[in-house]
Amino acid sequence: MFKKNDAPLLNSAYKSKIARITQPHPSPVEIGQVVNELSKVRLPSQPVFPAYYLPPQTLPENVDKLIKSMQWVHHLPWVNGVMNVMLHPQLNLGIELARRHGLIDQQQSWRTDPIRGYNFMREFQDLLLTRHFNELKEGWDYAHKFSDQELSNALKAVQKESQGFALHEFISIMDSSQLHSPQLNQFIEDVKTGFINNLDSEQLLAILLKKEPLPNRQMKLRFIILIKRDFLDSPAHLTDFSFFEKIKLSVEQTHGYQIFYDPSLLNGYMKSHLFHKKTQSYREQIKQLRIYLTGTDALYRIGCVEPTFSVLYTKVKTQDLEGV
């Protein structure tokens, strides 16, 4: 589902989005790691004569701990419907089978029933080898690779045009039932056009969009603009917001969605909004940014398989990047 080394950043990306508005709880990353470990547990061979087979009295301690870490999963906001999310097929299958085998909502003091535990893991591991699961996983992975490539192309376009950039964010919050509606699509298009028409064309490098799931089945649209910044002593912040006031007035009157400037650095996930490709920290910054924008799609998305990240505009057209 994701590289093990990416887990800390993925976990941080999830928690930065919802930490201030919900009680602390295990993230999809944490339960995703559990499900992945359970998919690899070596199971005892099935007996030839089941009637004479005596199952072990307990599960191995590490396996018991993995299963028990899932026992309250149906109370988590990204599982119980409070957040409108779709999960990676393997994560979704693991949760659903754990429920079906009676391994969820057990009393904390109980040890896992070994028969239920082994039956759950055997069915889980067998279903991972089916054509149906493979089709689900391939569809999920294809969408993820597509958006990740979109981001790669956008970053190449930015790097071709400038030594560095400053990242600025504008957000709009709405009910997630609006996802894919013609009204929302037109709002996104008008915001993009507003940025293009009201910002210096020499300075505007790219416009990115990230859709983020929120509690109460809401979602946040995060419009991210990348502004050219060739030198470390170039202006770091937007000082004249008259361009944004024009965009805000126009789109809010036309569509009814509100839009705000957000100085939070991706909800506090990033330490800086300034990038310069000659600095020693640049590569790590880009990795961190990629995890937030496309890496989280490896595990969860809003309501459907469609990626939550898209590139709305790049100054250098991506088709001009062949051979770069």
C-alpha atoms as a PDB file:
ATOM      1  CA  MET A   1       0.000   0.000   0.000  1.00  0.00           C
ATOM      2  CA  PHE A   2       2.850   2.354   0.825  1.00  0.00           C
ATOM      3  CA  LYS A   3       6.561   2.198   1.534  1.00  0.00           C
ATOM      4  CA  LYS A   4       7.356   1.463   5.164  1.00  0.00           C
ATOM      5  CA  ASN A   5       9.781   4.391   5.316  1.00  0.00           C
ATOM      6  CA  ASP A   6       6.985   6.755   4.276  1.00  0.00           C
ATOM      7  CA  ALA A   7       4.729   5.787   7.184  1.00  0.00           C
ATOM      8  CA  PRO A   8       5.823   8.574   9.607  1.00  0.00           C
ATOM      9  CA  LEU A   9       5.214  11.302   7.004  1.00  0.00           C
ATOM     10  CA  LEU A  10       1.919   9.745   5.898  1.00  0.00           C
ATOM     11  CA  ASN A  11       0.777   9.571   9.495  1.00  0.00           C
ATOM     12  CA  SER A  12       1.777  13.179  10.049  1.00  0.00           C
ATOM     13  CA  ALA A  13      -0.070  14.261   6.889  1.00  0.00           C
ATOM     14  CA  TYR A  14      -3.299  12.595   8.050  1.00  0.00           C
ATOM     15  CA  LYS A  15      -3.125  13.897  11.591  1.00  0.00           C
ATOM     16  CA  SER A  16      -2.278  17.443  10.518  1.00  0.00           C
ATOM     17  CA  LYS A  17      -5.591  17.573   8.643  1.00  0.00           C
ATOM     18  CA  ILE A  18      -7.882  16.428  11.443  1.00  0.00           C
ATOM     19  CA  ALA A  19      -5.933  16.683  14.741  1.00  0.00           C
ATOM     20  CA  ARG A  20      -7.470  20.027  15.738  1.00  0.00           C
ATOM     21  CA  ILE A  21     -11.057  18.996  15.038  1.00  0.00           C
ATOM     22  CA  THR A  22     -11.341  15.422  16.369  1.00  0.00           C
ATOM     23  CA  GLN A  23     -10.241  13.407  19.372  1.00  0.00           C
ATOM     24  CA  PRO A  24      -6.889  11.576  18.929  1.00  0.00           C
ATOM     25  CA  HIS A  25      -7.359   8.232  17.196  1.00  0.00           C
ATOM     26  CA  PRO A  26      -5.412   5.666  15.099  1.00  0.00           C
ATOM     27  CA  SER A  27      -4.924   6.840  11.536  1.00  0.00           C
ATOM     28  CA  PRO A  28      -5.463   4.828   8.322  1.00  0.00           C
ATOM     29  CA  VAL A  29      -1.676   4.590   8.168  1.00  0.00           C
ATOM     30  CA  GLU A  30      -1.445   2.836  11.535  1.00  0.00           C
ATOM     31  CA  ILE A  31      -4.241   0.366  10.805  1.00  0.00           C
ATOM     32  CA  GLY A  32      -2.883  -0.045   7.264  1.00  0.00           C
ATOM     33  CA  GLN A  33       0.420  -1.216   8.746  1.00  0.00           C
ATOM     34  CA  VAL A  34      -1.441  -3.685  10.964  1.00  0.00           C
ATOM     35  CA  VAL A  35      -3.423  -5.112   8.040  1.00  0.00           C
ATOM     36  CA  ASN A  36      -0.267  -5.401   5.964  1.00  0.00           C
ATOM     37  CA  GLU A  37       1.485  -7.349   8.737  1.00  0.00           C
ATOM     38  CA  LEU A  38      -1.517  -9.674   9.084  1.00  0.00           C
ATOM     39  CA  SER A  39      -1.369 -10.394   5.355  1.00  0.00           C
ATOM     40  CA  LYS A  40       2.124 -11.828   5.866  1.00  0.00           C
ATOM     41  CA  VAL A  41       1.581 -13.974   8.978  1.00  0.00           C
ATOM     42  CA  ARG A  42       2.652 -17.578   8.342  1.00  0.00           C
ATOM     43  CA  LEU A  43      -0.307 -19.824   9.096  1.00  0.00           C
ATOM     44  CA  PRO A  44      -0.194 -23.481  10.173  1.00  0.00           C
ATOM     45  CA  SER A  45      -0.927 -25.961   7.399  1.00  0.00           C
ATOM     46  CA  GLN A  46      -4.529 -27.029   7.133  1.00  0.00           C
ATOM     47  CA  PRO A  47      -4.914 -30.511   8.686  1.00  0.00           C
ATOM     48  CA  VAL A  48      -5.764 -33.462   6.455  1.00  0.00           C
ATOM     49  CA  PHE A  49      -8.247 -34.770   9.031  1.00  0.00           C
ATOM     50  CA  PRO A  50      -9.879 -31.719  10.611  1.00  0.00           C
ATOM     51  CA  ALA A  51     -11.825 -33.844  13.090  1.00  0.00           C
ATOM     52  CA  TYR A  52      -8.571 -34.787  14.826  1.00  0.00           C
ATOM     53  CA  TYR A  53      -7.057 -31.312  14.661  1.00  0.00           C
ATOM     54  CA  LEU A  54      -6.620 -29.417  17.907  1.00  0.00           C
ATOM     55  CA  PRO A  55      -5.999 -25.732  17.289  1.00  0.00           C
ATOM     56  CA  PRO A  56      -3.480 -23.924  19.489  1.00  0.00           C
ATOM     57  CA  GLN A  57      -4.880 -22.537  22.734  1.00  0.00           C
ATOM     58  CA  THR A  58      -3.679 -19.022  21.941  1.00  0.00           C
ATOM     59  CA  LEU A  59      -2.352 -17.017  19.037  1.00  0.00           C
ATOM     60  CA  PRO A  60       1.294 -15.962  19.049  1.00  0.00           C
ATOM     61  CA  GLU A  61       1.617 -12.826  21.152  1.00  0.00           C
ATOM     62  CA  ASN A  62       2.635 -10.575  18.248  1.00  0.00           C
ATOM     63  CA  VAL A  63      -0.316 -11.758  16.116  1.00  0.00           C
ATOM     64  CA  ASP A  64      -2.746 -11.365  19.015  1.00  0.00           C
ATOM     65  CA  LYS A  65      -1.498  -7.803  19.499  1.00  0.00           C
ATOM     66  CA  LEU A  66      -1.997  -6.980  15.804  1.00  0.00           C
ATOM     67  CA  ILE A  67      -5.566  -8.275  15.775  1.00  0.00           C
ATOM     68  CA  LYS A  68      -6.467  -6.567  19.053  1.00  0.00           C
ATOM     69  CA  SER A  69      -5.246  -3.238  17.686  1.00  0.00           C
ATOM     70  CA  MET A  70      -8.186  -3.418  15.248  1.00  0.00           C
ATOM     71  CA  GLN A  71     -10.898  -4.145  17.783  1.00  0.00           C
ATOM     72  CA  TRP A  72     -12.220  -0.569  18.050  1.00  0.00           C
ATOM     73  CA  VAL A  73     -11.719   0.292  14.384  1.00  0.00           C
ATOM     74  CA  HIS A  74     -15.437   0.744  13.668  1.00  0.00           C
ATOM     75  CA  HIS A  75     -15.479   3.703  16.059  1.00  0.00           C
ATOM     76  CA  LEU A  76     -12.878   5.597  14.030  1.00  0.00           C
ATOM     77  CA  PRO A  77     -14.182   8.571  11.983  1.00  0.00           C
ATOM     78  CA  TRP A  78     -12.615   7.320   8.739  1.00  0.00           C
ATOM     79  CA  VAL A  79     -14.440   3.971   9.131  1.00  0.00           C
ATOM     80  CA  ASN A  80     -17.800   4.762  10.776  1.00  0.00           C
ATOM     81  CA  GLY A  81     -19.037   7.213   8.116  1.00  0.00           C
ATOM     82  CA  VAL A  82     -18.213  10.447   9.938  1.00  0.00           C
ATOM     83  CA  MET A  83     -15.682  11.092   7.173  1.00  0.00           C
ATOM     84  CA  ASN A  84     -16.653  10.361   3.574  1.00  0.00           C
ATOM     85  CA  VAL A  85     -13.630   8.273   2.583  1.00  0.00           C
ATOM     86  CA  MET A  86     -12.871   5.234   0.462  1.00  0.00           C
ATOM     87  CA  LEU A  87     -10.060   3.000   1.695  1.00  0.00           C
ATOM     88  CA  HIS A  88      -7.398   1.041  -0.160  1.00  0.00           C
ATOM     89  CA  PRO A  89      -8.895  -2.372  -1.099  1.00  0.00           C
ATOM     90  CA  GLN A  90      -6.546  -4.283   1.212  1.00  0.00           C
ATOM     91  CA  LEU A  91      -7.285  -2.030   4.183  1.00  0.00           C
ATOM     92  CA  ASN A  92     -11.019  -2.161   3.517  1.00  0.00           C
ATOM     93  CA  LEU A  93     -10.984  -5.959   3.137  1.00  0.00           C
ATOM     94  CA  GLY A  94      -9.021  -6.462   6.360  1.00  0.00           C
ATOM     95  CA  ILE A  95     -11.460  -4.327   8.367  1.00  0.00           C
ATOM     96  CA  GLU A  96     -14.550  -5.950   6.852  1.00  0.00           C
ATOM     97  CA  LEU A  97     -13.288  -9.512   7.453  1.00  0.00           C
ATOM     98  CA  ALA A  98     -12.243  -8.710  11.027  1.00  0.00           C
ATOM     99  CA  ARG A  99     -15.805  -7.548  11.641  1.00  0.00           C
ATOM    100  CA  ARG A 100     -17.296 -10.605   9.925  1.00  0.00           C
ATOM    101  CA  HIS A 101     -15.186 -12.974  12.047  1.00  0.00           C
ATOM    102  CA  GLY A 102     -16.208 -11.271  15.281  1.00  0.00           C
ATOM    103  CA  LEU A 103     -12.814  -9.751  16.051  1.00  0.00           C
ATOM    104  CA  ILE A 104     -14.035  -6.159  16.399  1.00  0.00           C
ATOM    105  CA  ASP A 105     -15.562  -4.685  19.574  1.00  0.00           C
ATOM    106  CA  GLN A 106     -14.220  -7.461  21.803  1.00  0.00           C
ATOM    107  CA  GLN A 107     -13.626  -6.723  25.456  1.00  0.00           C
ATOM    108  CA  GLN A 108     -10.113  -5.379  26.041  1.00  0.00           C
ATOM    109  CA  SER A 109      -9.246  -8.086  28.576  1.00  0.00           C
ATOM    110  CA  TRP A 110     -10.019 -10.993  26.261  1.00  0.00           C
ATOM    111  CA  ARG A 111      -7.368 -12.784  24.303  1.00  0.00           C
ATOM    112  CA  THR A 112      -8.303 -13.302  20.697  1.00  0.00           C
ATOM    113  CA  ASP A 113     -10.107 -16.569  20.035  1.00  0.00           C
ATOM    114  CA  PRO A 114      -7.432 -18.524  18.102  1.00  0.00           C
ATOM    115  CA  ILE A 115      -9.965 -20.264  15.843  1.00  0.00           C
ATOM    116  CA  ARG A 116     -11.540 -16.956  14.843  1.00  0.00           C
ATOM    117  CA  GLY A 117      -8.106 -15.392  14.481  1.00  0.00           C
ATOM    118  CA  TYR A 118      -6.750 -18.112  12.192  1.00  0.00           C
ATOM    119  CA  ASN A 119      -9.955 -18.317  10.165  1.00  0.00           C
ATOM    120  CA  PHE A 120      -9.863 -14.545   9.662  1.00  0.00           C
ATOM    121  CA  MET A 121      -6.225 -14.503   8.544  1.00  0.00           C
ATOM    122  CA  ARG A 122      -6.645 -17.502   6.258  1.00  0.00           C
ATOM    123  CA  GLU A 123      -9.673 -16.028   4.488  1.00  0.00           C
ATOM    124  CA  PHE A 124      -7.977 -12.632   4.294  1.00  0.00           C
ATOM    125  CA  GLN A 125      -4.787 -14.011   2.779  1.00  0.00           C
ATOM    126  CA  ASP A 126      -6.746 -16.214   0.341  1.00  0.00           C
ATOM    127  CA  LEU A 127      -8.919 -13.313  -0.873  1.00  0.00           C
ATOM    128  CA  LEU A 128      -5.816 -11.230  -1.553  1.00  0.00           C
ATOM    129  CA  LEU A 129      -4.942 -13.825  -4.223  1.00  0.00           C
ATOM    130  CA  THR A 130      -8.241 -13.590  -6.109  1.00  0.00           C
ATOM    131  CA  ARG A 131      -8.820 -12.003  -9.507  1.00  0.00           C
ATOM    132  CA  HIS A 132     -11.495  -9.738  -8.015  1.00  0.00           C
ATOM    133  CA  PHE A 133      -9.124  -8.272  -5.423  1.00  0.00           C
ATOM    134  CA  ASN A 134      -6.384  -7.882  -8.020  1.00  0.00           C
ATOM    135  CA  GLU A 135      -8.739  -5.861 -10.247  1.00  0.00           C
ATOM    136  CA  LEU A 136      -9.686  -3.597  -7.346  1.00  0.00           C
ATOM    137  CA  LYS A 137      -6.051  -3.064  -6.401  1.00  0.00           C
ATOM    138  CA  GLU A 138      -4.943  -2.402  -9.978  1.00  0.00           C
ATOM    139  CA  GLY A 139      -7.668   0.225 -10.421  1.00  0.00           C
ATOM    140  CA  TRP A 140      -6.680   1.896  -7.166  1.00  0.00           C
ATOM    141  CA  ASP A 141      -2.961   1.854  -7.962  1.00  0.00           C
ATOM    142  CA  TYR A 142      -3.477   3.123 -11.514  1.00  0.00           C
ATOM    143  CA  ALA A 143      -5.313   6.220 -10.273  1.00  0.00           C
ATOM    144  CA  HIS A 144      -2.598   6.823  -7.697  1.00  0.00           C
ATOM    145  CA  LYS A 145       0.229   6.517 -10.226  1.00  0.00           C
ATOM    146  CA  PHE A 146      -1.608   8.869 -12.588  1.00  0.00           C
ATOM    147  CA  SER A 147      -1.875  11.687 -10.033  1.00  0.00           C
ATOM    148  CA  ASP A 148       1.677  11.090  -8.813  1.00  0.00           C
ATOM    149  CA  GLN A 149       2.919  11.460 -12.397  1.00  0.00           C
ATOM    150  CA  GLU A 150       0.876  14.642 -12.729  1.00  0.00           C
ATOM    151  CA  LEU A 151       2.705  16.059  -9.727  1.00  0.00           C
ATOM    152  CA  SER A 152       6.095  14.945 -11.090  1.00  0.00           C
ATOM    153  CA  ASN A 153       5.408  16.723 -14.378  1.00  0.00           C
ATOM    154  CA  ALA A 154       4.269  19.871 -12.590  1.00  0.00           C
ATOM    155  CA  LEU A 155       7.398  19.962 -10.451  1.00  0.00           C
ATOM    156  CA  LYS A 156       9.567  19.488 -13.544  1.00  0.00           C
ATOM    157  CA  ALA A 157       7.758  22.408 -15.168  1.00  0.00           C
ATOM    158  CA  VAL A 158       8.377  24.556 -12.096  1.00  0.00           C
ATOM    159  CA  GLN A 159      12.052  23.588 -11.871  1.00  0.00           C
ATOM    160  CA  LYS A 160      12.585  24.353 -15.560  1.00  0.00           C
ATOM    161  CA  GLU A 161      11.266  27.882 -15.085  1.00  0.00           C
ATOM    162  CA  SER A 162      12.744  28.843 -11.708  1.00  0.00           C
ATOM    163  CA  GLN A 163      15.415  28.075  -9.125  1.00  0.00           C
ATOM    164  CA  GLY A 164      12.802  28.036  -6.401  1.00  0.00           C
ATOM    165  CA  PHE A 165       9.274  28.904  -5.396  1.00  0.00           C
ATOM    166  CA  ALA A 166       7.053  30.034  -2.553  1.00  0.00           C
ATOM    167  CA  LEU A 167       3.937  28.015  -1.817  1.00  0.00           C
ATOM    168  CA  HIS A 168       0.699  29.835  -0.903  1.00  0.00           C
ATOM    169  CA  GLU A 169      -2.624  28.244   0.010  1.00  0.00           C
ATOM    170  CA  PHE A 170      -6.280  29.186  -0.347  1.00  0.00           C
ATOM    171  CA  ILE A 171      -9.045  26.999   1.047  1.00  0.00           C
ATOM    172  CA  SER A 172     -12.758  26.389   0.663  1.00  0.00           C
ATOM    173  CA  ILE A 173     -14.815  24.051   2.879  1.00  0.00           C
ATOM    174  CA  MET A 174     -18.055  22.392   1.795  1.00  0.00           C
ATOM    175  CA  ASP A 175     -20.164  19.245   2.065  1.00  0.00           C
ATOM    176  CA  SER A 176     -18.471  16.301   0.333  1.00  0.00           C
ATOM    177  CA  SER A 177     -21.718  15.473  -1.475  1.00  0.00           C
ATOM    178  CA  GLN A 178     -20.711  18.324  -3.811  1.00  0.00           C
ATOM    179  CA  LEU A 179     -17.805  16.237  -5.104  1.00  0.00           C
ATOM    180  CA  HIS A 180     -17.942  15.966  -8.928  1.00  0.00           C
ATOM    181  CA  SER A 181     -20.992  18.237  -9.159  1.00  0.00           C
ATOM    182  CA  PRO A 182     -21.056  20.605 -12.159  1.00  0.00           C
ATOM    183  CA  GLN A 183     -21.373  23.542  -9.768  1.00  0.00           C
ATOM    184  CA  LEU A 184     -18.199  22.595  -7.888  1.00  0.00           C
ATOM    185  CA  ASN A 185     -16.280  21.877 -11.075  1.00  0.00           C
ATOM    186  CA  GLN A 186     -17.196  25.337 -12.383  1.00  0.00           C
ATOM    187  CA  PHE A 187     -16.164  26.923  -9.073  1.00  0.00           C
ATOM    188  CA  ILE A 188     -12.745  25.251  -9.331  1.00  0.00           C
ATOM    189  CA  GLU A 189     -12.394  26.404 -12.927  1.00  0.00           C
ATOM    190  CA  ASP A 190     -13.311  29.991 -12.017  1.00  0.00           C
ATOM    191  CA  VAL A 191     -10.851  30.091  -9.108  1.00  0.00           C
ATOM    192  CA  LYS A 192      -8.104  28.837 -11.414  1.00  0.00           C
ATOM    193  CA  THR A 193      -8.983  31.437 -14.039  1.00  0.00           C
ATOM    194  CA  GLY A 194      -9.021  34.114 -11.351  1.00  0.00           C
ATOM    195  CA  PHE A 195      -5.476  33.300 -10.283  1.00  0.00           C
ATOM    196  CA  ILE A 196      -4.244  33.212 -13.884  1.00  0.00           C
ATOM    197  CA  ASN A 197      -5.898  36.543 -14.772  1.00  0.00           C
ATOM    198  CA  ASN A 198      -4.960  38.429 -11.595  1.00  0.00           C
ATOM    199  CA  LEU A 199      -1.409  37.279 -10.872  1.00  0.00           C
ATOM    200  CA  ASP A 200       1.749  38.294 -12.738  1.00  0.00           C
ATOM    201  CA  SER A 201       2.158  35.702 -15.489  1.00  0.00           C
ATOM    202  CA  GLU A 202       5.937  35.806 -15.021  1.00  0.00           C
ATOM    203  CA  GLN A 203       5.615  34.943 -11.343  1.00  0.00           C
ATOM    204  CA  LEU A 204       2.832  32.341 -11.341  1.00  0.00           C
ATOM    205  CA  LEU A 205       4.451  28.922 -11.922  1.00  0.00           C
ATOM    206  CA  ALA A 206       1.645  26.477 -11.098  1.00  0.00           C
ATOM    207  CA  ILE A 207      -1.769  26.010  -9.525  1.00  0.00           C
ATOM    208  CA  LEU A 208      -2.404  22.736  -7.681  1.00  0.00           C
ATOM    209  CA  LEU A 209      -5.542  21.379  -6.036  1.00  0.00           C
ATOM    210  CA  LYS A 210      -5.801  18.979  -3.090  1.00  0.00           C
ATOM    211  CA  LYS A 211      -9.168  17.705  -1.826  1.00  0.00           C
ATOM    212  CA  GLU A 212      -9.059  16.741   1.848  1.00  0.00           C
ATOM    213  CA  PRO A 213     -11.683  14.717   3.775  1.00  0.00           C
ATOM    214  CA  LEU A 214     -13.004  16.258   6.984  1.00  0.00           C
ATOM    215  CA  PRO A 215     -15.360  15.075   9.766  1.00  0.00           C
ATOM    216  CA  ASN A 216     -19.115  15.533   9.357  1.00  0.00           C
ATOM    217  CA  ARG A 217     -18.705  14.364   5.746  1.00  0.00           C
ATOM    218  CA  GLN A 218     -17.250  17.689   4.737  1.00  0.00           C
ATOM    219  CA  MET A 219     -14.214  18.294   2.556  1.00  0.00           C
ATOM    220  CA  LYS A 220     -11.629  21.018   2.143  1.00  0.00           C
ATOM    221  CA  LEU A 221     -10.440  22.228  -1.244  1.00  0.00           C
ATOM    222  CA  ARG A 222      -6.879  23.483  -0.957  1.00  0.00           C
ATOM    223  CA  PHE A 223      -5.777  25.616  -3.894  1.00  0.00           C
ATOM    224  CA  ILE A 224      -1.977  25.861  -3.865  1.00  0.00           C
ATOM    225  CA  ILE A 225      -0.206  28.442  -5.981  1.00  0.00           C
ATOM    226  CA  LEU A 226       3.531  28.303  -6.601  1.00  0.00           C
ATOM    227  CA  ILE A 227       5.156  31.729  -7.040  1.00  0.00           C
ATOM    228  CA  LYS A 228       8.573  32.175  -8.659  1.00  0.00           C
ATOM    229  CA  ARG A 229      11.427  32.834  -6.214  1.00  0.00           C
ATOM    230  CA  ASP A 230      14.863  32.548  -7.833  1.00  0.00           C
ATOM    231  CA  PHE A 231      16.896  33.845  -4.874  1.00  0.00           C
ATOM    232  CA  LEU A 232      16.850  33.224  -1.144  1.00  0.00           C
ATOM    233  CA  ASP A 233      16.397  36.936  -0.487  1.00  0.00           C
ATOM    234  CA  SER A 234      13.460  37.262  -2.890  1.00  0.00           C
ATOM    235  CA  PRO A 235      10.171  38.301  -1.217  1.00  0.00           C
ATOM    236  CA  ALA A 236       8.867  35.364   0.775  1.00  0.00           C
ATOM    237  CA  HIS A 237       5.286  36.428   1.410  1.00  0.00           C
ATOM    238  CA  LEU A 238       2.374  37.874  -0.477  1.00  0.00           C
ATOM    239  CA  THR A 239       2.097  41.512   0.538  1.00  0.00           C
ATOM    240  CA  ASP A 240      -0.651  42.742  -1.787  1.00  0.00           C
ATOM    241  CA  PHE A 241      -3.864  40.747  -1.517  1.00  0.00           C
ATOM    242  CA  SER A 242      -5.891  42.972  -3.819  1.00  0.00           C
ATOM    243  CA  PHE A 243      -5.675  40.265  -6.490  1.00  0.00           C
ATOM    244  CA  PHE A 244      -7.267  37.760  -4.114  1.00  0.00           C
ATOM    245  CA  GLU A 245     -10.021  40.147  -3.036  1.00  0.00           C
ATOM    246  CA  LYS A 246     -11.078  40.359  -6.686  1.00  0.00           C
ATOM    247  CA  ILE A 247     -11.133  36.557  -7.005  1.00  0.00           C
ATOM    248  CA  LYS A 248     -12.942  36.113  -3.694  1.00  0.00           C
ATOM    249  CA  LEU A 249     -15.651  38.644  -4.517  1.00  0.00           C
ATOM    250  CA  SER A 250     -16.245  37.176  -7.971  1.00  0.00           C
ATOM    251  CA  VAL A 251     -16.420  33.478  -7.125  1.00  0.00           C
ATOM    252  CA  GLU A 252     -18.330  33.882  -3.855  1.00  0.00           C
ATOM    253  CA  GLN A 253     -21.022  35.982  -5.501  1.00  0.00           C
ATOM    254  CA  THR A 254     -21.286  33.584  -8.433  1.00  0.00           C
ATOM    255  CA  HIS A 255     -21.117  30.227  -6.655  1.00  0.00           C
ATOM    256  CA  GLY A 256     -21.897  30.698  -2.980  1.00  0.00           C
ATOM    257  CA  TYR A 257     -18.745  28.852  -1.856  1.00  0.00           C
ATOM    258  CA  GLN A 258     -16.447  30.853   0.429  1.00  0.00           C
ATOM    259  CA  ILE A 259     -12.684  30.931  -0.112  1.00  0.00           C
ATOM    260  CA  PHE A 260      -9.971  32.097   2.297  1.00  0.00           C
ATOM    261  CA  TYR A 261      -6.221  32.612   2.377  1.00  0.00           C
ATOM    262  CA  ASP A 262      -4.631  29.982   4.629  1.00  0.00           C
ATOM    263  CA  PRO A 263      -1.141  30.623   6.066  1.00  0.00           C
ATOM    264  CA  SER A 264      -1.060  27.316   7.996  1.00  0.00           C
ATOM    265  CA  LEU A 265       1.670  25.559   5.923  1.00  0.00           C
ATOM    266  CA  LEU A 266      -0.536  22.590   4.984  1.00  0.00           C
ATOM    267  CA  ASN A 267      -2.214  22.508   8.411  1.00  0.00           C
ATOM    268  CA  GLY A 268       1.171  22.766  10.125  1.00  0.00           C
ATOM    269  CA  TYR A 269       2.553  19.750   8.274  1.00  0.00           C
ATOM    270  CA  MET A 270       5.334  21.742   6.549  1.00  0.00           C
ATOM    271  CA  LYS A 271       7.942  23.790   8.400  1.00  0.00           C
ATOM    272  CA  SER A 272       8.373  26.277   5.571  1.00  0.00           C
ATOM    273  CA  HIS A 273       6.584  27.363   2.420  1.00  0.00           C
ATOM    274  CA  LEU A 274       9.867  28.338   0.733  1.00  0.00           C
ATOM    275  CA  PHE A 275      11.665  25.977  -1.684  1.00  0.00           C
ATOM    276  CA  HIS A 276      14.978  26.477  -3.488  1.00  0.00           C
ATOM    277  CA  LYS A 277      16.551  23.647  -5.439  1.00  0.00           C
ATOM    278  CA  LYS A 278      20.131  24.585  -4.513  1.00  0.00           C
ATOM    279  CA  THR A 279      19.526  24.209  -0.764  1.00  0.00           C
ATOM    280  CA  GLN A 280      20.439  21.001   1.046  1.00  0.00           C
ATOM    281  CA  SER A 281      16.878  20.637   2.386  1.00  0.00           C
ATOM    282  CA  TYR A 282      15.170  20.870  -1.026  1.00  0.00           C
ATOM    283  CA  ARG A 283      14.974  17.153  -1.783  1.00  0.00           C
ATOM    284  CA  GLU A 284      13.532  16.347   1.637  1.00  0.00           C
ATOM    285  CA  GLN A 285      11.040  19.219   1.318  1.00  0.00           C
ATOM    286  CA  ILE A 286       9.852  17.918  -2.046  1.00  0.00           C
ATOM    287  CA  LYS A 287       9.449  14.405  -0.640  1.00  0.00           C
ATOM    288  CA  GLN A 288       7.406  15.791   2.241  1.00  0.00           C
ATOM    289  CA  LEU A 289       5.242  17.794  -0.153  1.00  0.00           C
ATOM    290  CA  ARG A 290       4.674  14.750  -2.382  1.00  0.00           C
ATOM    291  CA  ILE A 291       3.539  12.664   0.581  1.00  0.00           C
ATOM    292  CA  TYR A 292       0.928  15.270   1.500  1.00  0.00           C
ATOM    293  CA  LEU A 293      -0.365  15.856  -2.022  1.00  0.00           C
ATOM    294  CA  THR A 294      -0.334  12.369  -3.573  1.00  0.00           C
ATOM    295  CA  GLY A 295       1.083   9.933  -1.010  1.00  0.00           C
ATOM    296  CA  THR A 296      -2.048   9.945   1.137  1.00  0.00           C
ATOM    297  CA  ASP A 297      -4.037   8.702  -1.885  1.00  0.00           C
ATOM    298  CA  ALA A 298      -2.212   5.393  -1.471  1.00  0.00           C
ATOM    299  CA  LEU A 299      -4.484   4.687   1.514  1.00  0.00           C
ATOM    300  CA  TYR A 300      -7.630   6.817   1.451  1.00  0.00           C
ATOM    301  CA  ARG A 301      -9.573   9.134  -0.853  1.00  0.00           C
ATOM    302  CA  ILE A 302     -12.806  11.076  -0.725  1.00  0.00           C
ATOM    303  CA  GLY A 303     -15.794   8.913  -1.537  1.00  0.00           C
ATOM    304  CA  CYS A 304     -14.450   7.139  -4.634  1.00  0.00           C
ATOM    305  CA  VAL A 305     -11.350   5.845  -6.412  1.00  0.00           C
ATOM    306  CA  GLU A 306     -10.649   9.167  -8.157  1.00  0.00           C
ATOM    307  CA  PRO A 307      -7.435  10.844  -6.876  1.00  0.00           C
ATOM    308  CA  THR A 308      -7.732  13.800  -4.521  1.00  0.00           C
ATOM    309  CA  PHE A 309      -4.856  15.693  -6.184  1.00  0.00           C
ATOM    310  CA  SER A 310      -4.826  17.440  -9.546  1.00  0.00           C
ATOM    311  CA  VAL A 311      -2.756  20.002 -11.429  1.00  0.00           C
ATOM    312  CA  LEU A 312      -4.881  22.922 -12.587  1.00  0.00           C
ATOM    313  CA  TYR A 313      -2.170  24.940 -14.347  1.00  0.00           C
ATOM    314  CA  THR A 314       1.548  25.071 -15.067  1.00  0.00           C
ATOM    315  CA  LYS A 315       3.316  27.980 -16.778  1.00  0.00           C
ATOM    316  CA  VAL A 316       5.472  25.532 -18.776  1.00  0.00           C
ATOM    317  CA  LYS A 317       3.191  23.053 -20.512  1.00  0.00           C
ATOM    318  CA  THR A 318       3.941  19.479 -19.493  1.00  0.00           C
ATOM    319  CA  GLN A 319       4.002  18.327 -23.119  1.00  0.00           C
ATOM    320  CA  ASP A 320       7.021  20.612 -23.570  1.00  0.00           C
ATOM    321  CA  LEU A 321       8.986  18.626 -20.991  1.00  0.00           C
ATOM    322  CA  GLU A 322       9.788  15.571 -23.104  1.00  0.00           C
ATOM    323  CA  GLY A 323      13.476  14.838 -22.832  1.00  0.00           C
ATOM    324  CA  VAL A 324      13.892  17.054 -19.745  1.00  0.00           C
END
